[in-house]
Amino acid sequence: MTATNPTPTPEPLLVDLRTAARLLSVSVRTLWSMTTDGRLPHVKIGARRLLRMTDLRAYVDAAARPAQEGGAQ
């Protein structure tokens, strides 16, 4: 018997607001606000508002704060 290597499932290019909210640990309402006020870019396909995974990662990277030097005070 030969071993088979399962093909990894590719990451989706777009996710809906519910999925993105779960990934970011925020509410769908918060994400809706972030897309309507321009803080988070989105793609509209029909009535659906979708978010690119690359934009979600970029948002998290930009929101990350570097650790303060000298420890917590």
Protein backbone atom coordinates (compact mmCIF):
# COMPACT_ATOMS: atom_id res chain seq x y z
CA MET A 1 0.00 0.00 0.00
CA THR A 2 1.34 3.43 -0.89
CA ALA A 3 1.01 6.46 1.32
CA THR A 4 -1.05 9.27 -0.08
CA ASN A 5 -0.40 12.87 0.72
CA PRO A 6 -3.67 14.72 1.08
CA THR A 7 -3.75 17.92 -0.90
CA PRO A 8 -4.06 20.87 1.48
CA THR A 9 -7.21 22.89 1.05
CA PRO A 10 -6.31 26.32 -0.31
CA GLU A 11 -7.24 29.34 1.75
CA PRO A 12 -10.29 31.11 0.31
CA LEU A 13 -9.69 34.42 -1.45
CA LEU A 14 -12.89 35.95 -0.05
CA VAL A 15 -14.90 35.35 3.11
CA ASP A 16 -18.31 36.64 4.13
CA LEU A 17 -18.85 39.00 7.05
CA ARG A 18 -19.89 36.22 9.42
CA THR A 19 -16.72 34.23 8.78
CA ALA A 20 -14.50 37.32 8.97
CA ALA A 21 -16.15 38.37 12.24
CA ARG A 22 -15.42 34.95 13.72
CA LEU A 23 -11.79 35.10 12.55
CA LEU A 24 -11.29 38.58 14.07
CA SER A 25 -13.36 37.88 17.21
CA VAL A 26 -15.66 40.83 16.59
CA SER A 27 -19.37 41.11 15.81
CA VAL A 28 -20.79 41.13 12.31
CA ARG A 29 -22.21 44.56 13.09
CA THR A 30 -18.73 45.87 13.92
CA LEU A 31 -17.37 44.53 10.63
CA TRP A 32 -20.30 46.02 8.73
CA SER A 33 -19.45 49.43 10.22
CA MET A 34 -15.77 48.99 9.40
CA THR A 35 -16.57 48.29 5.75
CA THR A 36 -19.09 51.11 5.35
CA ASP A 37 -16.79 53.75 6.85
CA GLY A 38 -13.78 52.59 4.80
CA ARG A 39 -11.60 51.16 7.57
CA LEU A 40 -11.73 47.74 5.94
CA PRO A 41 -11.96 47.31 2.15
CA HIS A 42 -14.53 44.92 0.77
CA VAL A 43 -15.79 43.41 -2.46
CA LYS A 44 -19.48 43.48 -3.35
CA ILE A 45 -20.80 40.63 -5.42
CA GLY A 46 -24.50 41.09 -5.87
CA ALA A 47 -25.90 41.88 -2.43
CA ARG A 48 -23.04 40.12 -0.65
CA ARG A 49 -20.24 42.05 1.04
CA LEU A 50 -17.08 39.94 1.03
CA LEU A 51 -13.65 40.52 2.53
CA ARG A 52 -10.31 39.44 1.12
CA MET A 53 -8.19 37.35 3.46
CA THR A 54 -5.20 39.51 2.52
CA ASP A 55 -7.08 42.63 3.70
CA LEU A 56 -7.98 40.95 6.99
CA ARG A 57 -4.34 40.05 7.59
CA ALA A 58 -3.19 43.56 6.67
CA TYR A 59 -5.74 45.07 9.06
CA VAL A 60 -4.53 42.88 11.92
CA ASP A 61 -0.88 43.64 11.13
CA ALA A 62 -1.56 47.39 11.08
CA ALA A 63 -3.56 47.22 14.32
CA ALA A 64 -0.86 45.26 16.17
CA ARG A 65 1.03 47.42 18.63
CA PRO A 66 4.70 46.73 19.31
CA ALA A 67 5.59 45.71 22.85
CA GLN A 68 6.67 48.62 25.01
CA GLU A 69 10.28 48.67 26.06
CA GLY A 70 11.05 48.36 29.75
CA GLY A 71 8.18 46.05 30.61
CA ALA A 72 4.67 46.74 31.87
CA GLN A 73 4.06 49.58 34.27
